[in-house]
């Protein structure tokens, strides 16, 4: 029947008033506070939520983390020097390389501020953690030190549509308060959203991961929602203690604040 209809030039468009607010006015995904705050916050936005699992009590096993981290980081380095980026993309390592508070493997979860401080207090673990973030981002074609895409990416050095890995990395950086690396990955996420994702959000199945876009640091000076506290009324501002600012610290956006850590060699062999 439709095949016999003559072709019609032009087209027809109309709009229907649904009463819905424009996207810019709709609620944004609110970052979940650390699980140990006991807020019971859901993961992301929407009707689906993770069933979070707490790790075993008794503190974090730094030696165990370092052993697993060192083994996996060597794989990262090999992928970088040989250009075998697909091997890094296929790996399963997020739990111990980028620890979070509600991962699916409880033995690798961090469960308190003491866990955070104990891991960050080990210089070797922290240096390797930061290098792992740099190399994992490099596998996606993102240079965290320059906050931009790699100019001439190699084969396989590209975004793999694995939103949940990016979300875990951002959450881990939020929990460990690594501001420079977090802001760089968030810049990457916004660039992905504008280009590859064409404005769509970040998801794992039905779970919205958009909180990764809204983490702010320092988180311990926030209202435990992941966002900076709202300004107090004028008559209360005199009673609010201002956070201390370290003299001589440059804004994070300047080149002097580029992420520090081991230099990345990415020449193919």
Protein backbone atom coordinates (compact mmCIF):
# COMPACT_ATOMS: atom_id res chain seq x y z
CA UNK A 1 0.00 0.00 0.00
CA UNK A 2 2.68 2.51 1.01
CA UNK A 3 4.72 1.71 -2.10
CA UNK A 4 1.92 3.12 -4.28
CA UNK A 5 1.83 6.48 -2.53
CA UNK A 6 3.58 9.30 -4.41
CA UNK A 7 6.69 10.79 -2.82
CA UNK A 8 5.93 13.97 -0.90
CA UNK A 9 8.51 16.79 -0.83
CA UNK A 10 9.41 18.51 2.43
CA UNK A 11 8.30 17.29 5.83
CA UNK A 12 6.16 18.04 8.85
CA UNK A 13 7.26 18.92 12.36
CA UNK A 14 5.30 19.84 15.45
CA UNK A 15 5.80 20.19 19.17
CA UNK A 16 3.63 19.01 22.03
CA UNK A 17 3.59 20.77 25.38
CA UNK A 18 4.19 17.98 27.91
CA UNK A 19 4.84 20.27 30.85
CA UNK A 20 8.30 18.76 31.37
CA UNK A 21 11.14 21.07 32.35
CA UNK A 22 13.95 21.55 29.83
CA UNK A 23 17.00 19.34 30.30
CA UNK A 24 18.99 22.25 31.76
CA UNK A 25 16.40 22.66 34.52
CA UNK A 26 16.00 18.99 35.44
CA UNK A 27 17.65 17.53 38.55
CA UNK A 28 21.25 16.48 38.11
CA UNK A 29 22.77 13.27 39.43
CA UNK A 30 23.87 13.95 42.99
CA UNK A 31 27.20 12.35 43.92
CA UNK A 32 26.83 9.75 46.63
CA UNK A 33 28.81 10.39 49.80
CA UNK A 34 31.24 7.67 50.96
CA UNK A 35 29.38 4.58 52.09
CA UNK A 36 30.85 4.79 55.58
CA UNK A 37 28.79 7.94 56.19
CA UNK A 38 25.82 5.59 56.47
CA UNK A 39 23.56 7.67 54.24
CA UNK A 40 22.12 4.72 52.31
CA UNK A 41 22.37 6.76 49.11
CA UNK A 42 21.43 5.13 45.84
CA UNK A 43 23.84 4.81 42.95
CA UNK A 44 23.08 7.39 40.30
CA UNK A 45 19.71 8.62 39.12
CA UNK A 46 16.65 6.52 38.29
CA UNK A 47 14.79 3.52 39.61
CA UNK A 48 17.75 1.12 39.70
CA UNK A 49 20.29 1.14 42.51
CA UNK A 50 23.29 -0.94 43.50
CA UNK A 51 23.19 -3.25 46.49
CA UNK A 52 26.32 -2.03 48.13
CA UNK A 53 28.65 -4.41 49.96
CA UNK A 54 30.96 -3.46 52.79
CA UNK A 55 34.44 -4.86 53.13
CA UNK A 56 35.64 -6.90 56.07
CA UNK A 57 36.37 -4.98 59.28
CA UNK A 58 39.89 -4.72 60.64
CA UNK A 59 41.46 -2.22 58.28
CA UNK A 60 42.92 -2.33 54.81
CA UNK A 61 45.67 -4.81 53.91
CA UNK A 62 48.17 -2.43 52.30
CA UNK A 63 50.67 -5.16 51.45
CA UNK A 64 48.02 -7.16 49.61
CA UNK A 65 46.91 -4.11 47.66
CA UNK A 66 50.49 -3.27 46.72
CA UNK A 67 51.27 -6.80 45.55
CA UNK A 68 48.23 -6.96 43.26
CA UNK A 69 48.74 -3.38 42.13
CA UNK A 70 52.40 -3.93 41.16
CA UNK A 71 51.55 -7.02 39.11
CA UNK A 72 48.77 -5.27 37.20
CA UNK A 73 50.70 -2.04 36.73
CA UNK A 74 53.45 -3.96 34.97
CA UNK A 75 50.81 -5.17 32.49
CA UNK A 76 49.73 -1.54 32.01
CA UNK A 77 53.32 -0.52 31.27
CA UNK A 78 53.80 -3.39 28.82
CA UNK A 79 50.62 -2.40 26.98
CA UNK A 80 51.89 1.16 26.78
CA UNK A 81 55.35 0.36 25.44
CA UNK A 82 54.11 -2.25 22.94
CA UNK A 83 50.94 -0.46 21.86
CA UNK A 84 48.76 -3.44 22.77
CA UNK A 85 45.99 -1.25 24.13
CA UNK A 86 43.31 -3.87 23.58
CA UNK A 87 44.92 -6.03 26.26
CA UNK A 88 44.47 -3.25 28.80
CA UNK A 89 40.89 -2.64 27.67
CA UNK A 90 40.02 -6.32 28.18
CA UNK A 91 41.55 -6.56 31.64
CA UNK A 92 39.58 -6.88 34.88
CA UNK A 93 41.42 -4.95 37.55
CA UNK A 94 39.27 -2.02 38.68
CA UNK A 95 38.68 -3.43 42.19
CA UNK A 96 42.29 -3.21 43.39
CA UNK A 97 43.71 -0.63 40.96
CA UNK A 98 41.01 1.98 41.60
CA UNK A 99 39.48 1.05 44.97
CA UNK A 100 36.02 2.35 45.84
CA UNK A 101 33.62 1.89 48.72
CA UNK A 102 30.93 -0.22 47.06
CA UNK A 103 32.61 -2.49 44.54
CA UNK A 104 31.34 -5.95 43.70
CA UNK A 105 34.38 -7.59 45.34
CA UNK A 106 34.14 -6.63 49.03
CA UNK A 107 37.69 -7.76 49.80
CA UNK A 108 38.98 -4.78 47.79
CA UNK A 109 36.55 -2.16 49.10
CA UNK A 110 37.69 0.71 51.28
CA UNK A 111 35.42 1.11 54.28
CA UNK A 112 36.60 4.16 56.22
CA UNK A 113 38.68 7.32 56.17
CA UNK A 114 41.35 5.28 57.97
CA UNK A 115 41.56 2.99 54.92
CA UNK A 116 41.98 6.01 52.67
CA UNK A 117 44.71 7.50 54.83
CA UNK A 118 46.55 4.20 55.23
CA UNK A 119 46.79 3.60 51.49
CA UNK A 120 47.60 7.22 50.65
CA UNK A 121 50.18 7.21 53.41
CA UNK A 122 52.24 4.64 51.51
CA UNK A 123 54.29 6.64 48.95
CA UNK A 124 54.84 3.64 46.66
CA UNK A 125 51.17 2.74 46.56
CA UNK A 126 50.16 6.35 45.84
CA UNK A 127 52.74 6.81 43.06
CA UNK A 128 51.62 3.58 41.38
CA UNK A 129 47.95 4.50 41.81
CA UNK A 130 48.47 7.81 40.03
CA UNK A 131 50.50 6.17 37.26
CA UNK A 132 47.75 3.57 36.76
CA UNK A 133 45.17 6.34 36.30
CA UNK A 134 47.39 8.01 33.71
CA UNK A 135 47.95 4.81 31.74
CA UNK A 136 44.31 3.69 31.85
CA UNK A 137 43.26 7.10 30.54
CA UNK A 138 46.00 6.96 27.90
CA UNK A 139 44.51 3.70 26.64
CA UNK A 140 41.36 5.72 25.87
CA UNK A 141 43.42 8.35 24.08
CA UNK A 142 43.32 10.92 26.89
CA UNK A 143 46.43 12.67 28.22
CA UNK A 144 45.74 13.54 31.88
CA UNK A 145 48.87 15.68 32.14
CA UNK A 146 47.80 17.96 29.30
CA UNK A 147 44.04 17.58 29.83
CA UNK A 148 43.40 16.83 26.18
CA UNK A 149 43.11 14.05 23.62
CA UNK A 150 46.23 12.34 22.36
CA UNK A 151 47.05 14.03 19.06
CA UNK A 152 48.01 10.93 17.07
CA UNK A 153 46.45 7.92 18.82
CA UNK A 154 47.65 4.45 17.96
CA UNK A 155 45.40 1.61 16.87
CA UNK A 156 43.20 0.64 19.81
CA UNK A 157 43.99 3.80 21.75
CA UNK A 158 40.37 4.99 21.90
CA UNK A 159 37.20 5.14 23.99
CA UNK A 160 35.65 1.69 24.45
CA UNK A 161 32.17 2.67 25.72
CA UNK A 162 33.00 1.17 29.11
CA UNK A 163 31.26 3.83 31.18
CA UNK A 164 31.48 1.90 34.44
CA UNK A 165 35.30 1.84 34.43
CA UNK A 166 35.44 5.61 34.00
CA UNK A 167 32.83 6.00 36.76
CA UNK A 168 34.84 3.80 39.16
CA UNK A 169 38.03 5.69 38.42
CA UNK A 170 36.34 9.04 39.10
CA UNK A 171 34.76 7.78 42.30
CA UNK A 172 38.07 6.36 43.48
CA UNK A 173 39.82 9.67 42.81
CA UNK A 174 37.03 11.43 44.70
CA UNK A 175 37.43 9.15 47.71
CA UNK A 176 41.24 9.46 47.68
CA UNK A 177 40.97 13.20 47.04
CA UNK A 178 43.27 13.32 44.02
CA UNK A 179 41.94 16.61 42.67
CA UNK A 180 44.13 17.09 39.59
CA UNK A 181 43.49 13.62 38.20
CA UNK A 182 39.77 13.75 38.99
CA UNK A 183 39.30 17.06 37.21
CA UNK A 184 41.20 15.78 34.18
CA UNK A 185 39.03 12.65 33.90
CA UNK A 186 35.91 14.79 34.33
CA UNK A 187 37.10 16.98 31.46
CA UNK A 188 37.51 13.80 29.41
CA UNK A 189 34.00 12.68 30.39
CA UNK A 190 32.48 15.98 29.30
CA UNK A 191 34.33 15.75 25.99
CA UNK A 192 33.05 12.19 25.52
CA UNK A 193 29.52 13.29 26.31
CA UNK A 194 29.67 16.09 23.76
CA UNK A 195 31.19 13.96 20.99
CA UNK A 196 31.08 10.16 21.13
CA UNK A 197 27.97 10.03 23.34
CA UNK A 198 26.17 12.88 21.52
CA UNK A 199 24.81 14.36 24.71
CA UNK A 200 23.73 11.09 26.33
CA UNK A 201 24.54 10.19 29.94
CA UNK A 202 26.80 7.53 31.39
CA UNK A 203 25.17 4.21 32.25
CA UNK A 204 25.80 0.66 33.39
CA UNK A 205 22.67 -1.14 32.24
CA UNK A 206 19.82 0.75 33.91
CA UNK A 207 22.10 2.43 36.46
CA UNK A 208 22.94 6.06 35.75
CA UNK A 209 26.58 6.91 36.43
CA UNK A 210 26.33 10.65 35.82
CA UNK A 211 27.58 11.38 39.32
CA UNK A 212 31.06 11.13 37.84
CA UNK A 213 30.50 14.56 36.27
CA UNK A 214 29.65 16.26 39.55
CA UNK A 215 32.23 15.15 42.11
CA UNK A 216 33.89 18.10 43.84
CA UNK A 217 36.93 18.26 46.08
CA UNK A 218 37.82 18.69 48.86
CA UNK A 219 35.02 16.37 49.85
CA UNK A 220 35.66 16.53 53.61
CA UNK A 221 34.84 20.24 53.56
CA UNK A 222 31.51 19.52 51.91
CA UNK A 223 28.07 18.74 53.29
CA UNK A 224 28.65 14.94 52.80
CA UNK A 225 26.64 15.01 49.56
CA UNK A 226 29.72 15.34 47.37
CA UNK A 227 28.99 19.00 46.64
CA UNK A 228 30.34 22.14 48.26
CA UNK A 229 28.13 23.47 51.04
CA UNK A 230 25.55 26.07 50.15
CA UNK A 231 26.29 29.66 51.25
CA UNK A 232 24.92 30.53 54.67
CA UNK A 233 22.44 33.39 55.13
CA UNK A 234 24.11 36.76 55.55
CA UNK A 235 23.43 36.91 59.30
CA UNK A 236 25.18 33.52 59.80
CA UNK A 237 28.22 34.01 57.64
CA UNK A 238 30.27 35.57 60.44
CA UNK A 239 30.05 32.29 62.36
CA UNK A 240 31.21 30.10 59.47
CA UNK A 241 34.88 29.10 59.64
CA UNK A 242 36.56 29.48 56.28
CA UNK A 243 38.71 26.58 55.06
CA UNK A 244 42.42 27.20 55.26
CA UNK A 245 44.13 28.06 51.97
CA UNK A 246 47.74 27.08 51.56
CA UNK A 247 49.71 30.15 50.46
CA UNK A 248 51.31 30.09 47.05
CA UNK A 249 49.10 27.32 45.63
CA UNK A 250 48.22 27.92 42.00
CA UNK A 251 44.71 27.23 40.62
CA UNK A 252 44.26 23.64 39.39
CA UNK A 253 43.62 24.89 35.84
CA UNK A 254 47.15 26.23 35.44
CA UNK A 255 49.92 24.22 33.87
CA UNK A 256 51.87 24.23 37.10
CA UNK A 257 49.16 22.07 38.61
CA UNK A 258 49.44 19.33 35.98
CA UNK A 259 49.34 15.82 37.49
CA UNK A 260 52.66 14.68 38.81
CA UNK A 261 54.04 11.21 38.72
CA UNK A 262 56.09 8.95 36.49
CA UNK A 263 56.43 10.12 32.91
CA UNK A 264 54.55 8.05 30.36
CA UNK A 265 56.42 6.43 27.50
CA UNK A 266 54.17 5.30 24.71
CA UNK A 267 56.43 4.47 21.83
CA UNK A 268 55.44 1.32 19.99
CA UNK A 269 57.96 -1.44 19.49
